Amino acid sequence: MNVFRGPTQFSAGPACALTIGNFDGVHRGHRALLKQLKDGAKEKDLVSCVMTFEPHPKEFFSPEQAPPRILNLRDKLCAFSEVGVDRVVVEHFDNAFAKLTPEEFVSEILVKRLNAKWILIGDDFCYGAKRAGNFASLKAAGDRLGFEVSSIATVLEDGERISSSALRDALASGDMQLVAKLLGRPYGISGHVIHGQKLGRELGFPTLNLAVANHLHYRKPATSGIFVAQVHGLSNKPLPAVASLGVRPTVEDEGRVLLETHVFDYDQDAYGKVVTVELLEKIRDEEKYPNLNTLTHAIAADAQHARNYFQKKTYV
């Protein structure tokens, strides 16, 4: 899969089948669209291409009101690669891009830069400054400029639409079983293992630390709390663990979001490695404890809960 940071990195490449969106979560609804894109691209002898945005447009216009991100950019790109997309264009969403009229967006970006010949989108798609362009205007532009436009039906789960909003609701409530159902896979966060305060090691529970951040460093994560987890990237199989995702209220007051993961029976140097931590079951919410001794007892109980989870899973 080729990744381009904005369509200006290349000009009039191979004709493509294109879809456009934020794709936060790359959930089962997104994957159904991407499969249709790939199948259509193959049938039409086109390159499959996804155009997405960084930052999310809502983060650009209203950062304080923007919803929490489900996936960081790394995980989104990995999900696209897993699906088998040929090309991803990550458009830097800034003032200049936001001011493009619908006509400029179509002629300059879709036609001249991306060389789109078939565009697959939802029928609620809007584009251009003030979201003035819509499905009907894009279809009319395609008739004039020589590209096709098709829509995809909404994907339902038990009569409910699979959407990023539904996924965020499930994450916020800690229903990791529903999250996995909507995603079609466990919810994971990846990143480089960084140095922390080494407090976990002092307490007898050494952790792998991942910074959970985007351009708004202190953004609230899509979910938080203590979780049964498993870690990919340290072995040829996922390793069982217990993880804390949040702001560490007992030992910090800066609001920095960290993912701290204690991998059971693992004592090797992992600094700098890229790992993926999958959150399988929520144990409880974060809690502020009066002292480190109380915190240590809570961590021990959480670790035992997670060990019991994996032991039960082994013998079921």
Protein backbone atom coordinates (compact mmCIF):
# COMPACT_ATOMS: atom_id res chain seq x y z
CA MET A 1 0.00 0.00 0.00
CA ASN A 2 1.32 3.43 -0.97
CA VAL A 3 0.68 6.34 1.41
CA PHE A 4 0.80 9.96 0.22
CA ARG A 5 0.67 13.01 2.47
CA GLY A 6 -1.72 15.05 0.36
CA PRO A 7 -2.56 14.71 -3.34
CA THR A 8 0.08 17.33 -4.26
CA GLN A 9 2.76 14.66 -3.75
CA PHE A 10 1.85 13.24 -7.11
CA SER A 11 0.04 14.44 -10.18
CA ALA A 12 -2.29 12.54 -12.47
CA GLY A 13 -1.14 9.08 -11.39
CA PRO A 14 -2.92 5.92 -12.48
CA ALA A 15 -6.68 6.30 -12.80
CA CYS A 16 -8.28 5.34 -9.52
CA ALA A 17 -11.44 4.19 -7.83
CA LEU A 18 -11.80 6.57 -4.89
CA THR A 19 -13.60 6.83 -1.60
CA ILE A 20 -13.38 9.79 0.77
CA GLY A 21 -13.90 10.09 4.50
CA ASN A 22 -12.47 10.21 8.01
CA PHE A 23 -12.87 6.46 8.55
CA ASP A 24 -12.37 6.78 12.31
CA GLY A 25 -12.32 3.23 13.63
CA VAL A 26 -12.29 1.53 10.21
CA HIS A 27 -15.25 -0.45 11.56
CA ARG A 28 -17.31 -3.08 9.77
CA GLY A 29 -19.38 -0.46 7.97
CA HIS A 30 -16.19 1.13 6.62
CA ARG A 31 -14.81 -2.27 5.67
CA ALA A 32 -17.94 -3.10 3.68
CA LEU A 33 -17.42 0.13 1.73
CA LEU A 34 -13.71 -0.61 1.22
CA LYS A 35 -14.49 -4.13 -0.03
CA GLN A 36 -16.95 -2.70 -2.54
CA LEU A 37 -14.28 -0.16 -3.57
CA LYS A 38 -11.70 -2.89 -4.11
CA ASP A 39 -14.11 -5.13 -6.02
CA GLY A 40 -15.22 -2.24 -8.22
CA ALA A 41 -11.64 -1.13 -8.85
CA LYS A 42 -10.69 -4.62 -9.98
CA GLU A 43 -13.72 -4.86 -12.25
CA LYS A 44 -12.99 -1.43 -13.79
CA ASP A 45 -9.20 -1.98 -13.97
CA LEU A 46 -8.51 0.95 -11.62
CA VAL A 47 -6.27 1.50 -8.60
CA SER A 48 -8.20 1.53 -5.29
CA CYS A 49 -7.62 4.75 -3.37
CA VAL A 50 -8.79 6.17 -0.03
CA MET A 51 -8.64 9.88 0.76
CA THR A 52 -8.72 10.72 4.47
CA PHE A 53 -7.87 13.75 6.59
CA GLU A 54 -5.38 14.76 9.26
CA PRO A 55 -6.47 16.33 11.50
CA HIS A 56 -10.14 15.36 11.55
CA PRO A 57 -12.08 18.37 10.16
CA LYS A 58 -14.04 18.68 13.41
CA GLU A 59 -10.73 18.94 15.30
CA PHE A 60 -9.71 21.73 12.95
CA PHE A 61 -12.90 23.77 13.21
CA SER A 62 -13.94 23.09 16.84
CA PRO A 63 -11.14 21.33 18.75
CA GLU A 64 -12.90 21.58 22.11
CA GLN A 65 -16.12 20.05 20.76
CA ALA A 66 -14.51 17.42 18.53
CA PRO A 67 -15.28 13.80 19.45
CA PRO A 68 -12.49 11.61 20.84
CA ARG A 69 -10.53 9.75 18.19
CA ILE A 70 -11.09 6.03 17.99
CA LEU A 71 -7.84 5.27 16.14
CA ASN A 72 -4.60 7.15 15.78
CA LEU A 73 -3.29 7.65 12.25
CA ARG A 74 -0.87 4.72 12.50
CA ASP A 75 -3.68 2.30 13.38
CA LYS A 76 -5.96 3.71 10.71
CA LEU A 77 -3.31 3.17 8.04
CA CYS A 78 -2.65 -0.36 9.32
CA ALA A 79 -6.37 -1.11 9.02
CA PHE A 80 -6.42 0.17 5.44
CA SER A 81 -3.42 -2.02 4.65
CA GLU A 82 -5.13 -5.08 6.16
CA VAL A 83 -8.14 -4.50 3.93
CA GLY A 84 -5.84 -4.37 0.88
CA VAL A 85 -6.28 -0.81 -0.37
CA ASP A 86 -3.71 0.14 -3.04
CA ARG A 87 -3.25 3.81 -2.15
CA VAL A 88 -4.09 6.15 0.74
CA VAL A 89 -3.93 9.93 0.47
CA VAL A 90 -3.72 11.66 3.86
CA GLU A 91 -4.83 15.23 3.19
CA HIS A 92 -3.58 17.85 5.65
CA PHE A 93 -6.78 19.62 6.63
CA ASP A 94 -5.90 23.31 6.98
CA ASN A 95 -7.32 26.73 6.11
CA ALA A 96 -6.37 26.48 2.44
CA PHE A 97 -8.04 23.10 2.04
CA ALA A 98 -11.11 24.15 4.05
CA LYS A 99 -11.63 27.15 1.74
CA LEU A 100 -11.76 25.12 -1.48
CA THR A 101 -15.12 25.57 -3.16
CA PRO A 102 -16.94 22.39 -4.20
CA GLU A 103 -15.97 23.14 -7.82
CA GLU A 104 -12.28 23.61 -6.92
CA PHE A 105 -12.25 20.44 -4.84
CA VAL A 106 -13.63 18.42 -7.74
CA SER A 107 -11.51 19.92 -10.53
CA GLU A 108 -8.20 20.42 -8.72
CA ILE A 109 -8.16 17.50 -6.27
CA LEU A 110 -10.39 14.74 -7.58
CA VAL A 111 -9.74 15.17 -11.32
CA LYS A 112 -6.30 16.74 -11.77
CA ARG A 113 -4.45 15.32 -8.78
CA LEU A 114 -6.16 12.03 -7.97
CA ASN A 115 -7.33 11.14 -11.48
CA ALA A 116 -10.51 9.64 -10.04
CA LYS A 117 -12.65 7.74 -12.53
CA TRP A 118 -15.08 6.13 -10.09
CA ILE A 119 -16.02 7.59 -6.70
CA LEU A 120 -17.82 5.52 -4.08
CA ILE A 121 -19.33 7.42 -1.14
CA GLY A 122 -22.28 7.47 1.23
CA ASP A 123 -25.33 9.35 0.02
CA ASP A 124 -24.89 11.80 2.95
CA PHE A 125 -21.42 12.86 1.73
CA CYS A 126 -20.68 16.63 1.73
CA TYR A 127 -17.59 18.42 0.45
CA GLY A 128 -16.09 21.85 -0.21
CA ALA A 129 -16.22 25.07 1.78
CA LYS A 130 -19.19 25.18 4.18
CA ARG A 131 -19.99 21.61 3.08
CA ALA A 132 -21.81 23.13 0.14
CA GLY A 133 -21.27 20.17 -2.18
CA ASN A 134 -23.34 16.99 -1.84
CA PHE A 135 -23.93 13.66 -3.51
CA ALA A 136 -26.17 15.14 -6.21
CA SER A 137 -23.72 17.91 -7.14
CA LEU A 138 -20.81 15.45 -7.25
CA LYS A 139 -22.77 13.15 -9.52
CA ALA A 140 -23.58 16.08 -11.81
CA ALA A 141 -19.89 17.10 -11.85
CA GLY A 142 -18.97 13.54 -12.77
CA ASP A 143 -21.31 13.63 -15.75
CA ARG A 144 -19.54 16.79 -16.97
CA LEU A 145 -15.96 15.79 -16.19
CA GLY A 146 -15.95 12.09 -16.98
CA PHE A 147 -16.09 10.14 -13.71
CA GLU A 148 -18.75 7.89 -12.19
CA VAL A 149 -20.27 8.37 -8.73
CA SER A 150 -21.94 5.58 -6.75
CA SER A 151 -23.33 5.32 -3.24
CA ILE A 152 -23.11 2.48 -0.74
CA ALA A 153 -25.97 1.31 1.44
CA THR A 154 -25.76 1.73 5.20
CA VAL A 155 -24.44 -1.34 7.05
CA LEU A 156 -26.72 -2.39 9.92
CA GLU A 157 -26.13 -4.45 13.07
CA ASP A 158 -29.35 -5.75 14.67
CA GLY A 159 -31.24 -3.00 12.85
CA GLU A 160 -28.84 -0.27 14.02
CA ARG A 161 -26.43 1.60 11.75
CA ILE A 162 -22.76 0.73 12.27
CA SER A 163 -21.13 4.12 12.67
CA SER A 164 -18.18 5.79 14.33
CA SER A 165 -20.65 7.46 16.73
CA ALA A 166 -22.08 4.09 17.80
CA LEU A 167 -18.54 2.80 18.23
CA ARG A 168 -17.58 5.79 20.41
CA ASP A 169 -20.66 5.20 22.56
CA ALA A 170 -19.66 1.57 23.08
CA LEU A 171 -16.09 2.59 23.93
CA ALA A 172 -17.27 5.29 26.34
CA SER A 173 -19.45 2.76 28.17
CA GLY A 174 -16.63 0.20 28.29
CA ASP A 175 -18.61 -2.44 26.39
CA MET A 176 -15.57 -4.01 24.75
CA GLN A 177 -17.59 -6.99 23.51
CA LEU A 178 -19.85 -4.67 21.51
CA VAL A 179 -16.80 -2.67 20.39
CA ALA A 180 -15.20 -5.83 18.99
CA LYS A 181 -18.48 -6.74 17.29
CA LEU A 182 -18.72 -3.35 15.57
CA LEU A 183 -15.06 -3.35 14.60
CA GLY A 184 -14.90 -6.98 13.57
CA ARG A 185 -11.78 -7.29 15.74
CA PRO A 186 -10.63 -6.34 19.27
CA TYR A 187 -9.98 -2.67 19.91
CA GLY A 188 -6.26 -1.97 19.81
CA ILE A 189 -3.89 0.96 20.27
CA SER A 190 -0.36 0.85 18.85
CA GLY A 191 2.72 2.96 19.34
CA HIS A 192 6.35 3.07 20.40
CA VAL A 193 7.14 1.95 23.94
CA ILE A 194 8.47 5.01 25.78
CA HIS A 195 10.23 5.57 29.10
CA GLY A 196 7.98 6.35 32.02
CA GLN A 197 8.51 7.20 35.67
CA LYS A 198 9.40 3.56 36.47
CA LEU A 199 6.80 3.69 39.27
CA GLY A 200 5.19 0.44 38.14
CA ARG A 201 8.51 -1.38 38.50
CA GLU A 202 8.90 0.00 42.02
CA LEU A 203 5.44 -1.27 42.89
CA GLY A 204 6.18 -4.73 41.48
CA PHE A 205 4.23 -4.28 38.24
CA PRO A 206 6.56 -3.02 35.48
CA THR A 207 4.70 -1.53 32.55
CA LEU A 208 5.09 -0.80 28.87
CA ASN A 209 4.12 2.85 28.35
CA LEU A 210 2.53 4.29 25.22
CA ALA A 211 1.67 7.97 24.85
CA VAL A 212 -1.92 8.30 23.67
CA ALA A 213 -1.93 11.66 21.94
CA ASN A 214 -2.76 13.49 18.75
CA HIS A 215 -2.07 17.10 17.84
CA LEU A 216 -4.18 18.09 20.87
CA HIS A 217 -1.85 16.44 23.35
CA TYR A 218 -4.30 16.25 26.23
CA ARG A 219 -7.38 15.06 24.33
CA LYS A 220 -9.63 12.67 26.18
CA PRO A 221 -9.30 9.10 24.83
CA ALA A 222 -12.28 7.27 23.35
CA THR A 223 -12.29 4.99 26.38
CA SER A 224 -10.49 4.87 29.72
CA GLY A 225 -10.09 2.63 32.73
CA ILE A 226 -8.45 -0.65 33.64
CA PHE A 227 -8.65 -3.49 31.12
CA VAL A 228 -7.82 -7.10 30.46
CA ALA A 229 -5.42 -6.80 27.54
CA GLN A 230 -3.12 -8.64 25.19
CA VAL A 231 0.02 -7.31 23.53
CA HIS A 232 1.23 -7.93 19.98
CA GLY A 233 4.78 -7.19 18.87
CA LEU A 234 6.82 -8.71 21.68
CA SER A 235 6.52 -12.37 20.69
CA ASN A 236 5.25 -14.57 17.89
CA LYS A 237 1.93 -14.70 19.72
CA PRO A 238 -0.08 -12.14 21.73
CA LEU A 239 0.95 -11.94 25.38
CA PRO A 240 -1.63 -11.66 28.20
CA ALA A 241 -1.62 -8.44 30.20
CA VAL A 242 -3.52 -5.93 32.27
CA ALA A 243 -3.63 -2.31 31.08
CA SER A 244 -4.52 1.14 32.39
CA LEU A 245 -5.64 3.79 29.92
CA GLY A 246 -6.13 7.29 31.27
CA VAL A 247 -4.59 10.15 33.21
CA ARG A 248 -3.16 8.28 36.26
CA PRO A 249 -5.08 10.33 38.86
CA THR A 250 -3.17 8.93 41.86
CA VAL A 251 0.29 9.95 40.63
CA GLU A 252 -0.27 12.75 38.08
CA ASP A 253 -2.43 15.86 37.78
CA GLU A 254 -1.29 17.15 34.38
CA GLY A 255 -4.02 15.40 32.40
CA ARG A 256 -1.55 13.53 30.18
CA VAL A 257 -3.10 10.38 28.71
CA LEU A 258 -0.99 7.22 28.91
CA LEU A 259 -1.58 3.56 28.13
CA GLU A 260 0.34 1.54 30.72
CA THR A 261 0.43 -2.21 30.23
CA HIS A 262 1.77 -4.84 32.60
CA VAL A 263 2.60 -7.95 30.58
CA PHE A 264 2.46 -11.08 32.68
CA ASP A 265 5.73 -12.96 33.22
CA TYR A 266 7.63 -10.72 30.80
CA ASP A 267 10.86 -9.01 31.80
CA GLN A 268 12.70 -7.88 28.68
CA ASP A 269 13.74 -4.50 27.33
CA ALA A 270 10.97 -3.26 25.02
CA TYR A 271 11.84 0.45 24.77
CA GLY A 272 11.44 1.78 21.24
CA LYS A 273 9.52 -1.25 19.99
CA VAL A 274 6.21 -0.76 18.23
CA VAL A 275 3.52 -2.77 19.98
CA THR A 276 -0.25 -3.07 19.74
CA VAL A 277 -2.25 -3.34 22.96
CA GLU A 278 -5.71 -4.85 22.50
CA LEU A 279 -8.28 -4.06 25.20
CA LEU A 280 -10.43 -7.15 25.65
CA GLU A 281 -12.58 -6.46 28.72
CA LYS A 282 -13.04 -3.47 31.00
CA ILE A 283 -12.40 -4.27 34.64
CA ARG A 284 -13.24 -0.90 36.20
CA ASP A 285 -12.92 2.87 35.88
CA GLU A 286 -9.82 4.79 36.87
CA GLU A 287 -9.76 5.75 40.52
CA LYS A 288 -7.70 8.10 42.66
CA TYR A 289 -6.24 6.36 45.71
CA PRO A 290 -5.07 8.02 48.96
CA ASN A 291 -1.61 6.44 48.83
CA LEU A 292 0.65 4.12 46.81
CA ASN A 293 0.01 1.16 49.09
CA THR A 294 -3.72 1.26 48.30
CA LEU A 295 -2.89 1.68 44.60
CA THR A 296 -0.60 -1.38 44.71
CA HIS A 297 -3.35 -3.55 46.21
CA ALA A 298 -5.77 -2.37 43.50
CA ILE A 299 -3.27 -3.19 40.74
CA ALA A 300 -2.73 -6.65 42.24
CA ALA A 301 -6.48 -7.31 42.22
CA ASP A 302 -6.75 -6.08 38.61
CA ALA A 303 -3.86 -8.31 37.55
CA GLN A 304 -5.49 -11.32 39.19
CA HIS A 305 -8.79 -10.53 37.44
CA ALA A 306 -6.95 -10.51 34.11
CA ARG A 307 -5.08 -13.74 34.87
CA ASN A 308 -8.39 -15.40 35.72
CA TYR A 309 -9.84 -14.15 32.41
CA PHE A 310 -7.07 -15.82 30.41
CA GLN A 311 -7.13 -18.98 32.52
CA LYS A 312 -10.86 -19.35 31.96
CA LYS A 313 -10.40 -18.68 28.26
CA THR A 314 -7.75 -21.41 28.08
CA TYR A 315 -10.00 -24.06 29.60
CA VAL A 316 -13.30 -23.15 27.94
